Amino acid sequence: MDLVQQVFKKLLKFLVAFSYLITCTAIAHAPPVTNALPLPRFASLRSKSVHMHVGPGNNYPIDWKFIRQGLPVEIIAEFDTWRQIRDWQGTQGWIHKSLLSGRRTAWVMNEICSLRKEPDEKSKVIARLEPGVVARLLECRNKWCRVEAQSPDGSSYRGWINRGNLWGVYAHEAKI
């Protein structure tokens, strides 16, 4: 083998090793893969007792304790297994993702609202929902959302409520 071929072989080995090193370095420094779900998005609390921390980890102080399962929250940021959330009053903090559920709920806002049989202002009123009621979201169409709400005696009601009376659903959302 002549000198040119030997140099060419060594150069080729060097380039292969160098490209391998560059690829490994790029993979090691790549940002972590996050879930493909959009931000912000709504979720609900999975547990009856949820501690909200001031930062993304158990080593951060607890700022708030939620004591209502199913409460809707808005996920506004993610860090590893932690989610920064906001509640209907605007309170923000961090909770572990295992304490969240994808089951959608909504908070009835401000005033007593009519739950109607059909998505129409003239439709029969099935029930009246007070502010603070948490209802399960079933679907939304235009300015109406179909929900399921439970009364204090345990009976449940399904019907339509004006979307403007709910916190936990975006104005543009069509599919829940």
C-alpha atoms as a PDB file:
ATOM      1  CA  MET A   1       0.000   0.000   0.000  1.00  0.00           C
ATOM      2  CA  ASP A   2       1.407   3.344  -0.873  1.00  0.00           C
ATOM      3  CA  LEU A   3       1.624   6.322   1.450  1.00  0.00           C
ATOM      4  CA  VAL A   4      -1.405   8.124  -0.056  1.00  0.00           C
ATOM      5  CA  GLN A   5      -3.686   5.149   0.609  1.00  0.00           C
ATOM      6  CA  GLN A   6      -2.417   4.832   4.202  1.00  0.00           C
ATOM      7  CA  VAL A   7      -3.052   8.535   4.868  1.00  0.00           C
ATOM      8  CA  PHE A   8      -6.477   8.271   3.235  1.00  0.00           C
ATOM      9  CA  LYS A   9      -7.421   5.260   5.454  1.00  0.00           C
ATOM     10  CA  LYS A  10      -6.283   7.042   8.610  1.00  0.00           C
ATOM     11  CA  LEU A  11      -8.167  10.182   7.593  1.00  0.00           C
ATOM     12  CA  LEU A  12     -11.301   8.147   6.889  1.00  0.00           C
ATOM     13  CA  LYS A  13     -11.084   6.431  10.317  1.00  0.00           C
ATOM     14  CA  PHE A  14     -10.585   9.814  11.965  1.00  0.00           C
ATOM     15  CA  LEU A  15     -13.646  11.287  10.186  1.00  0.00           C
ATOM     16  CA  VAL A  16     -15.830   8.313  11.173  1.00  0.00           C
ATOM     17  CA  ALA A  17     -14.722   8.562  14.815  1.00  0.00           C
ATOM     18  CA  PHE A  18     -15.152  12.343  14.807  1.00  0.00           C
ATOM     19  CA  SER A  19     -18.685  12.164  13.356  1.00  0.00           C
ATOM     20  CA  TYR A  20     -19.589   9.504  15.970  1.00  0.00           C
ATOM     21  CA  LEU A  21     -18.302  11.772  18.730  1.00  0.00           C
ATOM     22  CA  ILE A  22     -20.243  14.766  17.379  1.00  0.00           C
ATOM     23  CA  THR A  23     -23.444  12.698  17.135  1.00  0.00           C
ATOM     24  CA  CYS A  24     -23.085  11.414  20.714  1.00  0.00           C
ATOM     25  CA  THR A  25     -22.416  14.922  22.014  1.00  0.00           C
ATOM     26  CA  ALA A  26     -25.445  16.307  20.169  1.00  0.00           C
ATOM     27  CA  ILE A  27     -27.682  13.591  21.626  1.00  0.00           C
ATOM     28  CA  ALA A  28     -26.315  14.138  25.142  1.00  0.00           C
ATOM     29  CA  HIS A  29     -27.013  17.880  24.939  1.00  0.00           C
ATOM     30  CA  ALA A  30     -30.406  17.610  23.267  1.00  0.00           C
ATOM     31  CA  PRO A  31     -33.291  19.048  25.267  1.00  0.00           C
ATOM     32  CA  PRO A  32     -35.324  16.435  27.137  1.00  0.00           C
ATOM     33  CA  VAL A  33     -38.263  14.977  25.275  1.00  0.00           C
ATOM     34  CA  THR A  34     -41.503  16.357  26.675  1.00  0.00           C
ATOM     35  CA  ASN A  35     -44.963  15.074  26.072  1.00  0.00           C
ATOM     36  CA  ALA A  36     -46.566  16.331  22.921  1.00  0.00           C
ATOM     37  CA  LEU A  37     -49.499  17.935  24.717  1.00  0.00           C
ATOM     38  CA  PRO A  38     -49.943  21.663  24.153  1.00  0.00           C
ATOM     39  CA  LEU A  39     -49.428  24.372  26.733  1.00  0.00           C
ATOM     40  CA  PRO A  40     -51.471  25.808  28.246  1.00  0.00           C
ATOM     41  CA  ARG A  41     -54.089  23.077  28.725  1.00  0.00           C
ATOM     42  CA  PHE A  42     -56.680  22.118  31.317  1.00  0.00           C
ATOM     43  CA  ALA A  43     -56.636  19.079  33.594  1.00  0.00           C
ATOM     44  CA  SER A  44     -58.167  18.203  36.949  1.00  0.00           C
ATOM     45  CA  LEU A  45     -56.872  17.171  40.355  1.00  0.00           C
ATOM     46  CA  ARG A  46     -56.697  13.384  40.756  1.00  0.00           C
ATOM     47  CA  SER A  47     -56.668  13.362  44.564  1.00  0.00           C
ATOM     48  CA  LYS A  48     -58.672  14.889  47.418  1.00  0.00           C
ATOM     49  CA  SER A  49     -55.486  16.291  48.942  1.00  0.00           C
ATOM     50  CA  VAL A  50     -52.885  17.956  46.722  1.00  0.00           C
ATOM     51  CA  HIS A  51     -49.935  20.039  47.914  1.00  0.00           C
ATOM     52  CA  MET A  52     -48.897  22.871  45.621  1.00  0.00           C
ATOM     53  CA  HIS A  53     -45.233  23.865  45.906  1.00  0.00           C
ATOM     54  CA  VAL A  54     -43.555  27.186  45.101  1.00  0.00           C
ATOM     55  CA  GLY A  55     -41.140  25.365  42.768  1.00  0.00           C
ATOM     56  CA  PRO A  56     -40.898  22.129  40.779  1.00  0.00           C
ATOM     57  CA  GLY A  57     -39.935  19.646  43.491  1.00  0.00           C
ATOM     58  CA  ASN A  58     -40.721  18.307  46.955  1.00  0.00           C
ATOM     59  CA  ASN A  59     -37.759  20.259  48.324  1.00  0.00           C
ATOM     60  CA  TYR A  60     -39.626  23.523  47.640  1.00  0.00           C
ATOM     61  CA  PRO A  61     -41.994  24.810  50.338  1.00  0.00           C
ATOM     62  CA  ILE A  62     -45.686  23.963  50.136  1.00  0.00           C
ATOM     63  CA  ASP A  63     -47.601  27.118  49.279  1.00  0.00           C
ATOM     64  CA  TRP A  64     -51.155  25.777  49.147  1.00  0.00           C
ATOM     65  CA  LYS A  65     -53.181  22.632  49.782  1.00  0.00           C
ATOM     66  CA  PHE A  66     -56.118  21.738  47.552  1.00  0.00           C
ATOM     67  CA  ILE A  67     -58.728  19.560  49.260  1.00  0.00           C
ATOM     68  CA  ARG A  68     -61.141  18.964  46.408  1.00  0.00           C
ATOM     69  CA  GLN A  69     -60.771  16.093  43.965  1.00  0.00           C
ATOM     70  CA  GLY A  70     -61.727  16.902  40.382  1.00  0.00           C
ATOM     71  CA  LEU A  71     -60.995  20.606  40.684  1.00  0.00           C
ATOM     72  CA  PRO A  72     -60.064  22.016  37.258  1.00  0.00           C
ATOM     73  CA  VAL A  73     -56.591  23.507  36.876  1.00  0.00           C
ATOM     74  CA  GLU A  74     -54.714  24.986  33.955  1.00  0.00           C
ATOM     75  CA  ILE A  75     -51.260  23.581  33.222  1.00  0.00           C
ATOM     76  CA  ILE A  76     -49.103  26.517  32.150  1.00  0.00           C
ATOM     77  CA  ALA A  77     -45.562  25.055  32.265  1.00  0.00           C
ATOM     78  CA  GLU A  78     -43.702  21.762  32.638  1.00  0.00           C
ATOM     79  CA  PHE A  79     -40.397  20.815  34.203  1.00  0.00           C
ATOM     80  CA  ASP A  80     -39.454  17.138  34.272  1.00  0.00           C
ATOM     81  CA  THR A  81     -42.299  15.412  36.170  1.00  0.00           C
ATOM     82  CA  TRP A  82     -43.659  18.666  37.612  1.00  0.00           C
ATOM     83  CA  ARG A  83     -46.434  20.853  36.236  1.00  0.00           C
ATOM     84  CA  GLN A  84     -46.939  24.521  36.961  1.00  0.00           C
ATOM     85  CA  ILE A  85     -50.654  25.083  37.365  1.00  0.00           C
ATOM     86  CA  ARG A  86     -53.088  27.940  37.804  1.00  0.00           C
ATOM     87  CA  ASP A  87     -56.486  27.657  39.482  1.00  0.00           C
ATOM     88  CA  TRP A  88     -59.673  29.573  38.688  1.00  0.00           C
ATOM     89  CA  GLN A  89     -58.609  32.446  40.980  1.00  0.00           C
ATOM     90  CA  GLY A  90     -55.199  32.805  39.333  1.00  0.00           C
ATOM     91  CA  THR A  91     -53.191  31.137  42.117  1.00  0.00           C
ATOM     92  CA  GLN A  92     -50.078  29.483  40.645  1.00  0.00           C
ATOM     93  CA  GLY A  93     -47.714  26.789  41.852  1.00  0.00           C
ATOM     94  CA  TRP A  94     -46.164  23.412  41.066  1.00  0.00           C
ATOM     95  CA  ILE A  95     -47.579  19.921  41.544  1.00  0.00           C
ATOM     96  CA  HIS A  96     -46.352  16.492  40.522  1.00  0.00           C
ATOM     97  CA  LYS A  97     -47.896  15.165  37.315  1.00  0.00           C
ATOM     98  CA  SER A  98     -49.127  12.018  39.100  1.00  0.00           C
ATOM     99  CA  LEU A  99     -51.610  14.223  40.991  1.00  0.00           C
ATOM    100  CA  LEU A 100     -53.272  15.357  37.753  1.00  0.00           C
ATOM    101  CA  SER A 101     -55.917  13.690  35.644  1.00  0.00           C
ATOM    102  CA  GLY A 102     -56.798  14.243  32.002  1.00  0.00           C
ATOM    103  CA  ARG A 103     -60.470  14.065  32.971  1.00  0.00           C
ATOM    104  CA  ARG A 104     -61.912  17.463  32.156  1.00  0.00           C
ATOM    105  CA  THR A 105     -63.979  19.408  34.636  1.00  0.00           C
ATOM    106  CA  ALA A 106     -65.158  22.996  34.865  1.00  0.00           C
ATOM    107  CA  TRP A 107     -65.864  25.449  37.688  1.00  0.00           C
ATOM    108  CA  VAL A 108     -69.191  27.308  37.616  1.00  0.00           C
ATOM    109  CA  MET A 109     -68.385  31.008  37.871  1.00  0.00           C
ATOM    110  CA  ASN A 110     -69.964  34.088  39.452  1.00  0.00           C
ATOM    111  CA  GLU A 111     -73.723  33.440  39.513  1.00  0.00           C
ATOM    112  CA  ILE A 112     -76.407  30.758  39.575  1.00  0.00           C
ATOM    113  CA  CYS A 113     -76.625  29.304  36.052  1.00  0.00           C
ATOM    114  CA  SER A 114     -79.280  27.307  34.277  1.00  0.00           C
ATOM    115  CA  LEU A 115     -78.466  23.780  33.143  1.00  0.00           C
ATOM    116  CA  ARG A 116     -80.585  23.241  30.046  1.00  0.00           C
ATOM    117  CA  LYS A 117     -81.832  20.171  28.202  1.00  0.00           C
ATOM    118  CA  GLU A 118     -80.552  21.447  24.828  1.00  0.00           C
ATOM    119  CA  PRO A 119     -77.888  24.021  23.851  1.00  0.00           C
ATOM    120  CA  ASP A 120     -80.431  26.823  23.491  1.00  0.00           C
ATOM    121  CA  GLU A 121     -81.514  29.691  25.781  1.00  0.00           C
ATOM    122  CA  LYS A 122     -85.161  28.696  25.251  1.00  0.00           C
ATOM    123  CA  SER A 123     -84.614  25.052  26.155  1.00  0.00           C
ATOM    124  CA  LYS A 124     -86.097  23.544  29.317  1.00  0.00           C
ATOM    125  CA  VAL A 125     -84.124  24.191  32.535  1.00  0.00           C
ATOM    126  CA  ILE A 126     -83.074  20.884  34.144  1.00  0.00           C
ATOM    127  CA  ALA A 127     -81.291  22.336  37.184  1.00  0.00           C
ATOM    128  CA  ARG A 128     -79.669  25.467  38.514  1.00  0.00           C
ATOM    129  CA  LEU A 129     -75.957  25.366  39.320  1.00  0.00           C
ATOM    130  CA  GLU A 130     -74.465  27.582  42.004  1.00  0.00           C
ATOM    131  CA  PRO A 131     -71.049  29.238  41.781  1.00  0.00           C
ATOM    132  CA  GLY A 132     -68.336  26.831  42.874  1.00  0.00           C
ATOM    133  CA  VAL A 133     -69.976  23.717  41.480  1.00  0.00           C
ATOM    134  CA  VAL A 134     -67.453  21.496  39.726  1.00  0.00           C
ATOM    135  CA  ALA A 135     -69.008  19.723  36.755  1.00  0.00           C
ATOM    136  CA  ARG A 136     -67.541  17.111  34.427  1.00  0.00           C
ATOM    137  CA  LEU A 137     -67.158  18.412  30.873  1.00  0.00           C
ATOM    138  CA  LEU A 138     -68.646  16.087  28.257  1.00  0.00           C
ATOM    139  CA  GLU A 139     -68.554  18.169  25.064  1.00  0.00           C
ATOM    140  CA  CYS A 140     -68.729  21.739  23.794  1.00  0.00           C
ATOM    141  CA  ARG A 141     -70.461  23.271  20.784  1.00  0.00           C
ATOM    142  CA  ASN A 142     -70.155  26.930  19.933  1.00  0.00           C
ATOM    143  CA  LYS A 143     -71.065  28.849  23.091  1.00  0.00           C
ATOM    144  CA  TRP A 144     -72.474  25.820  24.948  1.00  0.00           C
ATOM    145  CA  CYS A 145     -70.906  22.974  26.917  1.00  0.00           C
ATOM    146  CA  ARG A 146     -72.595  19.748  27.938  1.00  0.00           C
ATOM    147  CA  VAL A 147     -71.747  18.882  31.534  1.00  0.00           C
ATOM    148  CA  GLU A 148     -72.609  16.414  34.247  1.00  0.00           C
ATOM    149  CA  ALA A 149     -73.100  17.855  37.716  1.00  0.00           C
ATOM    150  CA  GLN A 150     -73.990  16.183  40.996  1.00  0.00           C
ATOM    151  CA  SER A 151     -76.317  17.598  43.583  1.00  0.00           C
ATOM    152  CA  PRO A 152     -75.577  17.354  47.323  1.00  0.00           C
ATOM    153  CA  ASP A 153     -78.005  14.402  47.588  1.00  0.00           C
ATOM    154  CA  GLY A 154     -75.890  12.422  45.079  1.00  0.00           C
ATOM    155  CA  SER A 155     -78.192  12.587  42.069  1.00  0.00           C
ATOM    156  CA  SER A 156     -76.556  13.703  38.831  1.00  0.00           C
ATOM    157  CA  TYR A 157     -77.786  15.961  36.074  1.00  0.00           C
ATOM    158  CA  ARG A 158     -76.602  16.192  32.476  1.00  0.00           C
ATOM    159  CA  GLY A 159     -77.318  19.209  30.392  1.00  0.00           C
ATOM    160  CA  TRP A 160     -76.019  22.272  28.587  1.00  0.00           C
ATOM    161  CA  ILE A 161     -74.604  25.432  30.145  1.00  0.00           C
ATOM    162  CA  ASN A 162     -73.362  28.610  28.536  1.00  0.00           C
ATOM    163  CA  ARG A 163     -69.570  28.347  28.136  1.00  0.00           C
ATOM    164  CA  GLY A 164     -69.145  31.888  29.462  1.00  0.00           C
ATOM    165  CA  ASN A 165     -70.287  30.676  32.887  1.00  0.00           C
ATOM    166  CA  LEU A 166     -67.501  28.100  33.153  1.00  0.00           C
ATOM    167  CA  TRP A 167     -63.802  28.178  33.999  1.00  0.00           C
ATOM    168  CA  GLY A 168     -61.915  25.171  32.670  1.00  0.00           C
ATOM    169  CA  VAL A 169     -62.607  25.340  28.953  1.00  0.00           C
ATOM    170  CA  TYR A 170     -61.125  27.622  26.313  1.00  0.00           C
ATOM    171  CA  ALA A 171     -63.330  29.743  24.067  1.00  0.00           C
ATOM    172  CA  HIS A 172     -61.933  28.061  20.928  1.00  0.00           C
ATOM    173  CA  GLU A 173     -62.201  24.447  22.148  1.00  0.00           C
ATOM    174  CA  ALA A 174     -64.551  22.215  20.236  1.00  0.00           C
ATOM    175  CA  LYS A 175     -63.361  18.746  21.239  1.00  0.00           C
ATOM    176  CA  ILE A 176     -62.974  17.874  24.911  1.00  0.00           C
END
